[in-house]
Amino acid sequence: MPVAMDPERFDALVSEALDAIPDEIATLVRNVVVLVEEEPPDDEPGDLLGLYDGVALTERDSSWLPELPDRIFLFRGPLLDMCDDEADLVDEIRITVVHEVAHHFGIDDDRLHELGYA
């Protein structure tokens, strides 16, 4: 059964997950904004929980100049749909935040799966 939750509470859980990122990692995140959207884009799977849209730090060189910030999206609908209760949702948001931040650092899905974040 999907979790019913108002957007403000969901956003607060996302903020808590972001705040839980260790400072030594958070300070390395550069030019990234985190956004909550209701559903993934039409060209993505409907059960997608999050998405990193940007250039990973490992792919940047000294000539790279940011035009806009990289974006991390969390998709509220699929996250609510897959969870049974708020505790489950807290875990899934945390995992999704870590997963998408890891993409910013150039960590691919295979490695994230090995680490338990896929």
PDB file of N, CA and C in Angstrom:
ATOM      1  N   MET A   1       0.852  -1.183   0.000  1.00  0.00           N
ATOM      2  CA  MET A   1       0.000   0.000   0.000  1.00  0.00           C
ATOM      3  C   MET A   1       0.887   1.233   0.000  1.00  0.00           C
ATOM      4  N   PRO A   2       0.682   2.149  -0.929  1.00  0.00           N
ATOM      5  CA  PRO A   2       1.505   3.356  -0.988  1.00  0.00           C
ATOM      6  C   PRO A   2       1.359   4.204   0.275  1.00  0.00           C
ATOM      7  N   VAL A   3       2.398   4.947   0.561  1.00  0.00           N
ATOM      8  CA  VAL A   3       2.388   5.861   1.695  1.00  0.00           C
ATOM      9  C   VAL A   3       1.662   7.135   1.275  1.00  0.00           C
ATOM     10  N   ALA A   4       0.776   7.624   2.133  1.00  0.00           N
ATOM     11  CA  ALA A   4       0.117   8.920   1.905  1.00  0.00           C
ATOM     12  C   ALA A   4       0.874   9.958   2.722  1.00  0.00           C
ATOM     13  N   MET A   5       1.330  11.020   2.039  1.00  0.00           N
ATOM     14  CA  MET A   5       2.118  12.033   2.735  1.00  0.00           C
ATOM     15  C   MET A   5       2.007  13.346   1.970  1.00  0.00           C
ATOM     16  N   ASP A   6       1.866  14.429   2.717  1.00  0.00           N
ATOM     17  CA  ASP A   6       1.789  15.725   2.048  1.00  0.00           C
ATOM     18  C   ASP A   6       3.173  16.135   1.541  1.00  0.00           C
ATOM     19  N   PRO A   7       3.219  16.974   0.525  1.00  0.00           N
ATOM     20  CA  PRO A   7       4.502  17.365  -0.074  1.00  0.00           C
ATOM     21  C   PRO A   7       5.470  18.019   0.916  1.00  0.00           C
ATOM     22  N   GLU A   8       4.955  18.771   1.868  1.00  0.00           N
ATOM     23  CA  GLU A   8       5.833  19.442   2.830  1.00  0.00           C
ATOM     24  C   GLU A   8       6.586  18.430   3.685  1.00  0.00           C
ATOM     25  N   ARG A   9       5.904  17.401   4.138  1.00  0.00           N
ATOM     26  CA  ARG A   9       6.555  16.363   4.945  1.00  0.00           C
ATOM     27  C   ARG A   9       7.576  15.607   4.096  1.00  0.00           C
ATOM     28  N   PHE A  10       7.213  15.292   2.858  1.00  0.00           N
ATOM     29  CA  PHE A  10       8.137  14.603   1.963  1.00  0.00           C
ATOM     30  C   PHE A  10       9.401  15.442   1.770  1.00  0.00           C
ATOM     31  N   ASP A  11       9.226  16.738   1.503  1.00  0.00           N
ATOM     32  CA  ASP A  11      10.376  17.632   1.330  1.00  0.00           C
ATOM     33  C   ASP A  11      11.241  17.661   2.585  1.00  0.00           C
ATOM     34  N   ALA A  12      10.620  17.620   3.745  1.00  0.00           N
ATOM     35  CA  ALA A  12      11.375  17.603   5.000  1.00  0.00           C
ATOM     36  C   ALA A  12      12.215  16.336   5.108  1.00  0.00           C
ATOM     37  N   LEU A  13      11.670  15.205   4.674  1.00  0.00           N
ATOM     38  CA  LEU A  13      12.434  13.955   4.698  1.00  0.00           C
ATOM     39  C   LEU A  13      13.618  14.010   3.736  1.00  0.00           C
ATOM     40  N   VAL A  14      13.421  14.652   2.588  1.00  0.00           N
ATOM     41  CA  VAL A  14      14.528  14.831   1.644  1.00  0.00           C
ATOM     42  C   VAL A  14      15.606  15.709   2.280  1.00  0.00           C
ATOM     43  N   SER A  15      15.203  16.784   2.925  1.00  0.00           N
ATOM     44  CA  SER A  15      16.163  17.675   3.596  1.00  0.00           C
ATOM     45  C   SER A  15      16.941  16.928   4.670  1.00  0.00           C
ATOM     46  N   GLU A  16      16.253  16.083   5.431  1.00  0.00           N
ATOM     47  CA  GLU A  16      16.926  15.289   6.459  1.00  0.00           C
ATOM     48  C   GLU A  16      17.952  14.334   5.837  1.00  0.00           C
ATOM     49  N   ALA A  17      17.592  13.736   4.709  1.00  0.00           N
ATOM     50  CA  ALA A  17      18.527  12.826   4.036  1.00  0.00           C
ATOM     51  C   ALA A  17      19.749  13.591   3.541  1.00  0.00           C
ATOM     52  N   LEU A  18      19.543  14.788   3.018  1.00  0.00           N
ATOM     53  CA  LEU A  18      20.667  15.604   2.559  1.00  0.00           C
ATOM     54  C   LEU A  18      21.539  16.039   3.729  1.00  0.00           C
ATOM     55  N   ASP A  19      20.911  16.406   4.837  1.00  0.00           N
ATOM     56  CA  ASP A  19      21.659  16.818   6.028  1.00  0.00           C
ATOM     57  C   ASP A  19      22.484  15.675   6.609  1.00  0.00           C
ATOM     58  N   ALA A  20      22.077  14.445   6.339  1.00  0.00           N
ATOM     59  CA  ALA A  20      22.776  13.276   6.883  1.00  0.00           C
ATOM     60  C   ALA A  20      24.033  12.915   6.093  1.00  0.00           C
ATOM     61  N   ILE A  21      24.222  13.547   4.942  1.00  0.00           N
ATOM     62  CA  ILE A  21      25.445  13.295   4.172  1.00  0.00           C
ATOM     63  C   ILE A  21      26.612  13.847   4.982  1.00  0.00           C
ATOM     64  N   PRO A  22      27.642  13.043   5.210  1.00  0.00           N
ATOM     65  CA  PRO A  22      28.782  13.514   6.010  1.00  0.00           C
ATOM     66  C   PRO A  22      29.394  14.798   5.429  1.00  0.00           C
ATOM     67  N   ASP A  23      29.798  15.702   6.304  1.00  0.00           N
ATOM     68  CA  ASP A  23      30.340  16.988   5.877  1.00  0.00           C
ATOM     69  C   ASP A  23      31.513  16.847   4.917  1.00  0.00           C
ATOM     70  N   GLU A  24      32.371  15.852   5.153  1.00  0.00           N
ATOM     71  CA  GLU A  24      33.539  15.699   4.289  1.00  0.00           C
ATOM     72  C   GLU A  24      33.149  15.324   2.853  1.00  0.00           C
ATOM     73  N   ILE A  25      31.976  14.774   2.668  1.00  0.00           N
ATOM     74  CA  ILE A  25      31.466  14.487   1.323  1.00  0.00           C
ATOM     75  C   ILE A  25      30.644  15.673   0.821  1.00  0.00           C
ATOM     76  N   ALA A  26      29.780  16.197   1.651  1.00  0.00           N
ATOM     77  CA  ALA A  26      28.904  17.297   1.248  1.00  0.00           C
ATOM     78  C   ALA A  26      29.700  18.502   0.770  1.00  0.00           C
ATOM     79  N   THR A  27      30.836  18.783   1.378  1.00  0.00           N
ATOM     80  CA  THR A  27      31.627  19.940   0.967  1.00  0.00           C
ATOM     81  C   THR A  27      32.256  19.757  -0.412  1.00  0.00           C
ATOM     82  N   LEU A  28      32.303  18.530  -0.906  1.00  0.00           N
ATOM     83  CA  LEU A  28      32.862  18.260  -2.230  1.00  0.00           C
ATOM     84  C   LEU A  28      31.819  18.354  -3.347  1.00  0.00           C
ATOM     85  N   VAL A  29      30.557  18.388  -2.974  1.00  0.00           N
ATOM     86  CA  VAL A  29      29.489  18.506  -3.973  1.00  0.00           C
ATOM     87  C   VAL A  29      29.529  19.925  -4.524  1.00  0.00           C
ATOM     88  N   ARG A  30      29.624  20.034  -5.838  1.00  0.00           N
ATOM     89  CA  ARG A  30      29.797  21.329  -6.475  1.00  0.00           C
ATOM     90  C   ARG A  30      28.665  21.630  -7.462  1.00  0.00           C
ATOM     91  N   ASN A  31      28.065  22.789  -7.307  1.00  0.00           N
ATOM     92  CA  ASN A  31      27.120  23.306  -8.300  1.00  0.00           C
ATOM     93  C   ASN A  31      25.990  22.318  -8.590  1.00  0.00           C
ATOM     94  N   VAL A  32      25.316  21.859  -7.533  1.00  0.00           N
ATOM     95  CA  VAL A  32      24.232  20.884  -7.665  1.00  0.00           C
ATOM     96  C   VAL A  32      23.013  21.391  -6.909  1.00  0.00           C
ATOM     97  N   VAL A  33      21.856  21.252  -7.534  1.00  0.00           N
ATOM     98  CA  VAL A  33      20.591  21.574  -6.885  1.00  0.00           C
ATOM     99  C   VAL A  33      19.780  20.284  -6.792  1.00  0.00           C
ATOM    100  N   VAL A  34      19.065  20.109  -5.689  1.00  0.00           N
ATOM    101  CA  VAL A  34      18.215  18.929  -5.497  1.00  0.00           C
ATOM    102  C   VAL A  34      16.766  19.380  -5.617  1.00  0.00           C
ATOM    103  N   LEU A  35      16.040  18.699  -6.492  1.00  0.00           N
ATOM    104  CA  LEU A  35      14.645  19.041  -6.773  1.00  0.00           C
ATOM    105  C   LEU A  35      13.750  17.835  -6.556  1.00  0.00           C
ATOM    106  N   VAL A  36      12.554  18.080  -6.065  1.00  0.00           N
ATOM    107  CA  VAL A  36      11.548  17.032  -5.936  1.00  0.00           C
ATOM    108  C   VAL A  36      10.502  17.278  -7.017  1.00  0.00           C
ATOM    109  N   GLU A  37      10.246  16.263  -7.808  1.00  0.00           N
ATOM    110  CA  GLU A  37       9.204  16.294  -8.837  1.00  0.00           C
ATOM    111  C   GLU A  37       8.195  15.199  -8.503  1.00  0.00           C
ATOM    112  N   GLU A  38       6.978  15.373  -8.943  1.00  0.00           N
ATOM    113  CA  GLU A  38       5.945  14.382  -8.654  1.00  0.00           C
ATOM    114  C   GLU A  38       6.209  13.057  -9.366  1.00  0.00           C
ATOM    115  N   GLU A  39       6.560  13.120 -10.647  1.00  0.00           N
ATOM    116  CA  GLU A  39       6.763  11.912 -11.451  1.00  0.00           C
ATOM    117  C   GLU A  39       7.989  12.086 -12.342  1.00  0.00           C
ATOM    118  N   PRO A  40       8.592  10.974 -12.770  1.00  0.00           N
ATOM    119  CA  PRO A  40       9.715  11.063 -13.714  1.00  0.00           C
ATOM    120  C   PRO A  40       9.250  11.613 -15.061  1.00  0.00           C
ATOM    121  N   PRO A  41      10.181  12.111 -15.877  1.00  0.00           N
ATOM    122  CA  PRO A  41       9.819  12.561 -17.226  1.00  0.00           C
ATOM    123  C   PRO A  41       9.212  11.411 -18.035  1.00  0.00           C
ATOM    124  N   ASP A  42       8.440  11.767 -19.029  1.00  0.00           N
ATOM    125  CA  ASP A  42       7.759  10.759 -19.853  1.00  0.00           C
ATOM    126  C   ASP A  42       8.721   9.789 -20.536  1.00  0.00           C
ATOM    127  N   ASP A  43       9.940  10.226 -20.818  1.00  0.00           N
ATOM    128  CA  ASP A  43      10.890   9.355 -21.513  1.00  0.00           C
ATOM    129  C   ASP A  43      11.698   8.463 -20.562  1.00  0.00           C
ATOM    130  N   GLU A  44      11.336   8.463 -19.285  1.00  0.00           N
ATOM    131  CA  GLU A  44      11.989   7.627 -18.280  1.00  0.00           C
ATOM    132  C   GLU A  44      10.991   6.608 -17.742  1.00  0.00           C
ATOM    133  N   PRO A  45      11.487   5.511 -17.148  1.00  0.00           N
ATOM    134  CA  PRO A  45      10.566   4.533 -16.557  1.00  0.00           C
ATOM    135  C   PRO A  45       9.709   5.174 -15.467  1.00  0.00           C
ATOM    136  N   GLY A  46       8.460   4.780 -15.392  1.00  0.00           N
ATOM    137  CA  GLY A  46       7.520   5.346 -14.431  1.00  0.00           C
ATOM    138  C   GLY A  46       7.838   5.047 -12.982  1.00  0.00           C
ATOM    139  N   ASP A  47       8.688   4.035 -12.738  1.00  0.00           N
ATOM    140  CA  ASP A  47       9.048   3.690 -11.367  1.00  0.00           C
ATOM    141  C   ASP A  47      10.423   4.224 -10.964  1.00  0.00           C
ATOM    142  N   LEU A  48      10.970   5.134 -11.774  1.00  0.00           N
ATOM    143  CA  LEU A  48      12.268   5.732 -11.475  1.00  0.00           C
ATOM    144  C   LEU A  48      12.167   6.565 -10.199  1.00  0.00           C
ATOM    145  N   LEU A  49      13.084   6.353  -9.265  1.00  0.00           N
ATOM    146  CA  LEU A  49      13.035   7.040  -7.970  1.00  0.00           C
ATOM    147  C   LEU A  49      13.821   8.339  -7.964  1.00  0.00           C
ATOM    148  N   GLY A  50      14.906   8.376  -8.718  1.00  0.00           N
ATOM    149  CA  GLY A  50      15.740   9.564  -8.751  1.00  0.00           C
ATOM    150  C   GLY A  50      16.521   9.622 -10.042  1.00  0.00           C
ATOM    151  N   LEU A  51      17.119  10.799 -10.292  1.00  0.00           N
ATOM    152  CA  LEU A  51      17.856  10.996 -11.539  1.00  0.00           C
ATOM    153  C   LEU A  51      18.908  12.066 -11.320  1.00  0.00           C
ATOM    154  N   TYR A  52      20.131  11.792 -11.774  1.00  0.00           N
ATOM    155  CA  TYR A  52      21.194  12.800 -11.776  1.00  0.00           C
ATOM    156  C   TYR A  52      21.302  13.337 -13.180  1.00  0.00           C
ATOM    157  N   ASP A  53      21.206  14.644 -13.331  1.00  0.00           N
ATOM    158  CA  ASP A  53      21.314  15.302 -14.629  1.00  0.00           C
ATOM    159  C   ASP A  53      22.458  16.299 -14.537  1.00  0.00           C
ATOM    160  N   GLY A  54      23.609  15.904 -15.061  1.00  0.00           N
ATOM    161  CA  GLY A  54      24.756  16.787 -14.988  1.00  0.00           C
ATOM    162  C   GLY A  54      26.007  16.107 -15.503  1.00  0.00           C
ATOM    163  N   VAL A  55      27.124  16.721 -15.196  1.00  0.00           N
ATOM    164  CA  VAL A  55      28.429  16.200 -15.584  1.00  0.00           C
ATOM    165  C   VAL A  55      29.153  15.778 -14.311  1.00  0.00           C
ATOM    166  N   ALA A  56      29.441  14.494 -14.205  1.00  0.00           N
ATOM    167  CA  ALA A  56      30.118  13.969 -13.016  1.00  0.00           C
ATOM    168  C   ALA A  56      31.472  14.645 -12.830  1.00  0.00           C
ATOM    169  N   LEU A  57      31.883  14.797 -11.592  1.00  0.00           N
ATOM    170  CA  LEU A  57      33.169  15.431 -11.297  1.00  0.00           C
ATOM    171  C   LEU A  57      34.320  14.717 -11.995  1.00  0.00           C
ATOM    172  N   THR A  58      34.213  13.410 -12.163  1.00  0.00           N
ATOM    173  CA  THR A  58      35.275  12.633 -12.806  1.00  0.00           C
ATOM    174  C   THR A  58      35.363  12.895 -14.305  1.00  0.00           C
ATOM    175  N   GLU A  59      34.333  13.521 -14.874  1.00  0.00           N
ATOM    176  CA  GLU A  59      34.324  13.804 -16.309  1.00  0.00           C
ATOM    177  C   GLU A  59      34.666  15.262 -16.618  1.00  0.00           C
ATOM    178  N   ARG A  60      34.927  16.043 -15.592  1.00  0.00           N
ATOM    179  CA  ARG A  60      35.262  17.454 -15.782  1.00  0.00           C
ATOM    180  C   ARG A  60      36.779  17.609 -15.848  1.00  0.00           C
ATOM    181  N   ASP A  61      37.203  18.550 -16.668  1.00  0.00           N
ATOM    182  CA  ASP A  61      38.620  18.885 -16.689  1.00  0.00           C
ATOM    183  C   ASP A  61      38.767  20.381 -16.438  1.00  0.00           C
ATOM    184  N   SER A  62      39.964  20.881 -16.550  1.00  0.00           N
ATOM    185  CA  SER A  62      40.213  22.286 -16.216  1.00  0.00           C
ATOM    186  C   SER A  62      39.502  23.252 -17.156  1.00  0.00           C
ATOM    187  N   SER A  63      39.088  22.776 -18.324  1.00  0.00           N
ATOM    188  CA  SER A  63      38.390  23.660 -19.266  1.00  0.00           C
ATOM    189  C   SER A  63      36.873  23.657 -19.076  1.00  0.00           C
ATOM    190  N   TRP A  64      36.378  22.785 -18.181  1.00  0.00           N
ATOM    191  CA  TRP A  64      34.926  22.673 -17.984  1.00  0.00           C
ATOM    192  C   TRP A  64      34.395  23.903 -17.264  1.00  0.00           C
ATOM    193  N   LEU A  65      33.388  24.524 -17.849  1.00  0.00           N
ATOM    194  CA  LEU A  65      32.739  25.690 -17.241  1.00  0.00           C
ATOM    195  C   LEU A  65      31.247  25.407 -17.091  1.00  0.00           C
ATOM    196  N   PRO A  66      30.745  25.464 -15.873  1.00  0.00           N
ATOM    197  CA  PRO A  66      29.316  25.186 -15.682  1.00  0.00           C
ATOM    198  C   PRO A  66      28.449  26.305 -16.248  1.00  0.00           C
ATOM    199  N   GLU A  67      27.392  25.910 -16.938  1.00  0.00           N
ATOM    200  CA  GLU A  67      26.420  26.889 -17.403  1.00  0.00           C
ATOM    201  C   GLU A  67      25.283  26.986 -16.406  1.00  0.00           C
ATOM    202  N   LEU A  68      24.779  25.857 -16.022  1.00  0.00           N
ATOM    203  CA  LEU A  68      23.713  25.763 -15.029  1.00  0.00           C
ATOM    204  C   LEU A  68      24.130  24.717 -14.009  1.00  0.00           C
ATOM    205  N   PRO A  69      23.524  24.721 -12.845  1.00  0.00           N
ATOM    206  CA  PRO A  69      23.894  23.681 -11.876  1.00  0.00           C
ATOM    207  C   PRO A  69      23.458  22.298 -12.356  1.00  0.00           C
ATOM    208  N   ASP A  70      24.219  21.285 -11.941  1.00  0.00           N
ATOM    209  CA  ASP A  70      23.765  19.913 -12.110  1.00  0.00           C
ATOM    210  C   ASP A  70      22.503  19.772 -11.274  1.00  0.00           C
ATOM    211  N   ARG A  71      21.673  18.804 -11.642  1.00  0.00           N
ATOM    212  CA  ARG A  71      20.414  18.616 -10.919  1.00  0.00           C
ATOM    213  C   ARG A  71      20.269  17.171 -10.470  1.00  0.00           C
ATOM    214  N   ILE A  72      19.801  17.037  -9.245  1.00  0.00           N
ATOM    215  CA  ILE A  72      19.392  15.745  -8.726  1.00  0.00           C
ATOM    216  C   ILE A  72      17.890  15.830  -8.512  1.00  0.00           C
ATOM    217  N   PHE A  73      17.181  14.918  -9.149  1.00  0.00           N
ATOM    218  CA  PHE A  73      15.729  14.854  -9.010  1.00  0.00           C
ATOM    219  C   PHE A  73      15.367  13.666  -8.134  1.00  0.00           C
ATOM    220  N   LEU A  74      14.408  13.860  -7.246  1.00  0.00           N
ATOM    221  CA  LEU A  74      13.766  12.769  -6.528  1.00  0.00           C
ATOM    222  C   LEU A  74      12.306  12.792  -6.943  1.00  0.00           C
ATOM    223  N   PHE A  75      11.773  11.623  -7.259  1.00  0.00           N
ATOM    224  CA  PHE A  75      10.413  11.527  -7.770  1.00  0.00           C
ATOM    225  C   PHE A  75       9.481  11.017  -6.681  1.00  0.00           C
ATOM    226  N   ARG A  76       8.668  11.931  -6.199  1.00  0.00           N
ATOM    227  CA  ARG A  76       7.794  11.699  -5.052  1.00  0.00           C
ATOM    228  C   ARG A  76       6.825  10.535  -5.277  1.00  0.00           C
ATOM    229  N   GLY A  77       6.126  10.527  -6.406  1.00  0.00           N
ATOM    230  CA  GLY A  77       5.118   9.499  -6.674  1.00  0.00           C
ATOM    231  C   GLY A  77       5.665   8.085  -6.594  1.00  0.00           C
ATOM    232  N   PRO A  78       6.720   7.771  -7.361  1.00  0.00           N
ATOM    233  CA  PRO A  78       7.269   6.414  -7.296  1.00  0.00           C
ATOM    234  C   PRO A  78       7.814   6.049  -5.915  1.00  0.00           C
ATOM    235  N   LEU A  79       8.421   7.012  -5.222  1.00  0.00           N
ATOM    236  CA  LEU A  79       8.924   6.715  -3.875  1.00  0.00           C
ATOM    237  C   LEU A  79       7.776   6.392  -2.928  1.00  0.00           C
ATOM    238  N   LEU A  80       6.708   7.177  -2.976  1.00  0.00           N
ATOM    239  CA  LEU A  80       5.549   6.896  -2.121  1.00  0.00           C
ATOM    240  C   LEU A  80       4.903   5.565  -2.489  1.00  0.00           C
ATOM    241  N   ASP A  81       4.820   5.282  -3.788  1.00  0.00           N
ATOM    242  CA  ASP A  81       4.170   4.055  -4.256  1.00  0.00           C
ATOM    243  C   ASP A  81       4.897   2.789  -3.816  1.00  0.00           C
ATOM    244  N   MET A  82       6.213   2.843  -3.717  1.00  0.00           N
ATOM    245  CA  MET A  82       6.957   1.612  -3.427  1.00  0.00           C
ATOM    246  C   MET A  82       7.104   1.324  -1.943  1.00  0.00           C
ATOM    247  N   CYS A  83       6.734   2.276  -1.095  1.00  0.00           N
ATOM    248  CA  CYS A  83       6.960   2.119   0.343  1.00  0.00           C
ATOM    249  C   CYS A  83       5.680   1.764   1.082  1.00  0.00           C
ATOM    250  N   ASP A  84       5.853   1.003   2.162  1.00  0.00           N
ATOM    251  CA  ASP A  84       4.717   0.552   2.962  1.00  0.00           C
ATOM    252  C   ASP A  84       4.412   1.472   4.142  1.00  0.00           C
ATOM    253  N   ASP A  85       5.433   2.183   4.615  1.00  0.00           N
ATOM    254  CA  ASP A  85       5.227   3.076   5.753  1.00  0.00           C
ATOM    255  C   ASP A  85       6.305   4.157   5.731  1.00  0.00           C
ATOM    256  N   GLU A  86       6.197   5.093   6.676  1.00  0.00           N
ATOM    257  CA  GLU A  86       7.130   6.218   6.673  1.00  0.00           C
ATOM    258  C   GLU A  86       8.571   5.772   6.916  1.00  0.00           C
ATOM    259  N   ALA A  87       8.785   4.794   7.764  1.00  0.00           N
ATOM    260  CA  ALA A  87      10.142   4.317   8.024  1.00  0.00           C
ATOM    261  C   ALA A  87      10.772   3.763   6.749  1.00  0.00           C
ATOM    262  N   ASP A  88       9.994   3.024   5.986  1.00  0.00           N
ATOM    263  CA  ASP A  88      10.458   2.491   4.707  1.00  0.00           C
ATOM    264  C   ASP A  88      10.774   3.642   3.751  1.00  0.00           C
ATOM    265  N   LEU A  89       9.930   4.653   3.738  1.00  0.00           N
ATOM    266  CA  LEU A  89      10.133   5.817   2.877  1.00  0.00           C
ATOM    267  C   LEU A  89      11.407   6.566   3.260  1.00  0.00           C
ATOM    268  N   VAL A  90      11.643   6.746   4.540  1.00  0.00           N
ATOM    269  CA  VAL A  90      12.872   7.410   5.004  1.00  0.00           C
ATOM    270  C   VAL A  90      14.087   6.677   4.458  1.00  0.00           C
ATOM    271  N   ASP A  91      14.084   5.344   4.539  1.00  0.00           N
ATOM    272  CA  ASP A  91      15.202   4.546   4.028  1.00  0.00           C
ATOM    273  C   ASP A  91      15.365   4.712   2.520  1.00  0.00           C
ATOM    274  N   GLU A  92      14.264   4.660   1.790  1.00  0.00           N
ATOM    275  CA  GLU A  92      14.340   4.759   0.329  1.00  0.00           C
ATOM    276  C   GLU A  92      14.790   6.150  -0.125  1.00  0.00           C
ATOM    277  N   ILE A  93      14.347   7.180   0.560  1.00  0.00           N
ATOM    278  CA  ILE A  93      14.808   8.535   0.222  1.00  0.00           C
ATOM    279  C   ILE A  93      16.306   8.639   0.478  1.00  0.00           C
ATOM    280  N   ARG A  94      16.760   8.128   1.614  1.00  0.00           N
ATOM    281  CA  ARG A  94      18.195   8.165   1.938  1.00  0.00           C
ATOM    282  C   ARG A  94      19.002   7.429   0.872  1.00  0.00           C
ATOM    283  N   ILE A  95      18.564   6.237   0.514  1.00  0.00           N
ATOM    284  CA  ILE A  95      19.270   5.452  -0.498  1.00  0.00           C
ATOM    285  C   ILE A  95      19.283   6.186  -1.828  1.00  0.00           C
ATOM    286  N   THR A  96      18.164   6.781  -2.209  1.00  0.00           N
ATOM    287  CA  THR A  96      18.072   7.487  -3.492  1.00  0.00           C
ATOM    288  C   THR A  96      18.956   8.725  -3.495  1.00  0.00           C
ATOM    289  N   VAL A  97      18.975   9.476  -2.404  1.00  0.00           N
ATOM    290  CA  VAL A  97      19.846  10.652  -2.309  1.00  0.00           C
ATOM    291  C   VAL A  97      21.308  10.228  -2.439  1.00  0.00           C
ATOM    292  N   VAL A  98      21.717   9.220  -1.688  1.00  0.00           N
ATOM    293  CA  VAL A  98      23.105   8.751  -1.762  1.00  0.00           C
ATOM    294  C   VAL A  98      23.424   8.278  -3.174  1.00  0.00           C
ATOM    295  N   HIS A  99      22.520   7.538  -3.776  1.00  0.00           N
ATOM    296  CA  HIS A  99      22.709   7.020  -5.134  1.00  0.00           C
ATOM    297  C   HIS A  99      22.954   8.155  -6.128  1.00  0.00           C
ATOM    298  N   GLU A 100      22.126   9.178  -6.091  1.00  0.00           N
ATOM    299  CA  GLU A 100      22.245  10.272  -7.059  1.00  0.00           C
ATOM    300  C   GLU A 100      23.460  11.158  -6.771  1.00  0.00           C
ATOM    301  N   VAL A 101      23.779  11.395  -5.510  1.00  0.00           N
ATOM    302  CA  VAL A 101      24.992  12.148  -5.172  1.00  0.00           C
ATOM    303  C   VAL A 101      26.217  11.363  -5.639  1.00  0.00           C
ATOM    304  N   ALA A 102      26.183  10.050  -5.511  1.00  0.00           N
ATOM    305  CA  ALA A 102      27.301   9.226  -5.971  1.00  0.00           C
ATOM    306  C   ALA A 102      27.522   9.393  -7.472  1.00  0.00           C
ATOM    307  N   HIS A 103      26.450   9.524  -8.239  1.00  0.00           N
ATOM    308  CA  HIS A 103      26.611   9.769  -9.681  1.00  0.00           C
ATOM    309  C   HIS A 103      27.345  11.088  -9.919  1.00  0.00           C
ATOM    310  N   HIS A 104      27.120  12.080  -9.082  1.00  0.00           N
ATOM    311  CA  HIS A 104      27.836  13.352  -9.189  1.00  0.00           C
ATOM    312  C   HIS A 104      29.340  13.124  -9.052  1.00  0.00           C
ATOM    313  N   PHE A 105      29.724  12.140  -8.246  1.00  0.00           N
ATOM    314  CA  PHE A 105      31.136  11.814  -8.054  1.00  0.00           C
ATOM    315  C   PHE A 105      31.648  10.796  -9.072  1.00  0.00           C
ATOM    316  N   GLY A 106      30.802  10.408 -10.027  1.00  0.00           N
ATOM    317  CA  GLY A 106      31.230   9.502 -11.088  1.00  0.00           C
ATOM    318  C   GLY A 106      31.108   8.033 -10.759  1.00  0.00           C
ATOM    319  N   ILE A 107      30.395   7.689  -9.705  1.00  0.00           N
ATOM    320  CA  ILE A 107      30.213   6.284  -9.334  1.00  0.00           C
ATOM    321  C   ILE A 107      29.044   5.720 -10.145  1.00  0.00           C
ATOM    322  N   ASP A 108      29.283   4.626 -10.861  1.00  0.00           N
ATOM    323  CA  ASP A 108      28.257   4.084 -11.745  1.00  0.00           C
ATOM    324  C   ASP A 108      27.307   3.124 -11.016  1.00  0.00           C
ATOM    325  N   ASP A 109      26.250   2.741 -11.713  1.00  0.00           N
ATOM    326  CA  ASP A 109      25.214   1.889 -11.122  1.00  0.00           C
ATOM    327  C   ASP A 109      25.755   0.536 -10.667  1.00  0.00           C
ATOM    328  N   ASP A 110      26.693  -0.040 -11.404  1.00  0.00           N
ATOM    329  CA  ASP A 110      27.248  -1.339 -11.009  1.00  0.00           C
ATOM    330  C   ASP A 110      27.923  -1.245  -9.646  1.00  0.00           C
ATOM    331  N   ARG A 111      28.730  -0.220  -9.451  1.00  0.00           N
ATOM    332  CA  ARG A 111      29.421  -0.051  -8.164  1.00  0.00           C
ATOM    333  C   ARG A 111      28.413   0.258  -7.055  1.00  0.00           C
ATOM    334  N   LEU A 112      27.408   1.084  -7.363  1.00  0.00           N
ATOM    335  CA  LEU A 112      26.378   1.391  -6.371  1.00  0.00           C
ATOM    336  C   LEU A 112      25.627   0.139  -5.957  1.00  0.00           C
ATOM    337  N   HIS A 113      25.378  -0.748  -6.903  1.00  0.00           N
ATOM    338  CA  HIS A 113      24.712  -2.012  -6.588  1.00  0.00           C
ATOM    339  C   HIS A 113      25.587  -2.835  -5.629  1.00  0.00           C
ATOM    340  N   GLU A 114      26.893  -2.886  -5.902  1.00  0.00           N
ATOM    341  CA  GLU A 114      27.801  -3.600  -5.004  1.00  0.00           C
ATOM    342  C   GLU A 114      27.765  -3.023  -3.599  1.00  0.00           C
ATOM    343  N   LEU A 115      27.590  -1.708  -3.502  1.00  0.00           N
ATOM    344  CA  LEU A 115      27.592  -1.034  -2.216  1.00  0.00           C
ATOM    345  C   LEU A 115      26.228  -1.040  -1.531  1.00  0.00           C
ATOM    346  N   GLY A 116      25.190  -1.527  -2.245  1.00  0.00           N
ATOM    347  CA  GLY A 116      23.848  -1.591  -1.685  1.00  0.00           C
ATOM    348  C   GLY A 116      23.019  -0.334  -1.874  1.00  0.00           C
ATOM    349  N   TYR A 117      23.410   0.504  -2.844  1.00  0.00           N
ATOM    350  CA  TYR A 117      22.687   1.751  -3.116  1.00  0.00           C
ATOM    351  C   TYR A 117      22.087   1.778  -4.506  1.00  0.00           C
ATOM    352  N   ALA A 118      21.669   0.650  -5.009  1.00  0.00           N
ATOM    353  CA  ALA A 118      21.062   0.622  -6.352  1.00  0.00           C
ATOM    354  C   ALA A 118      19.673   0.036  -6.272  1.00  0.00           C
TER     355      ALA A 118
END
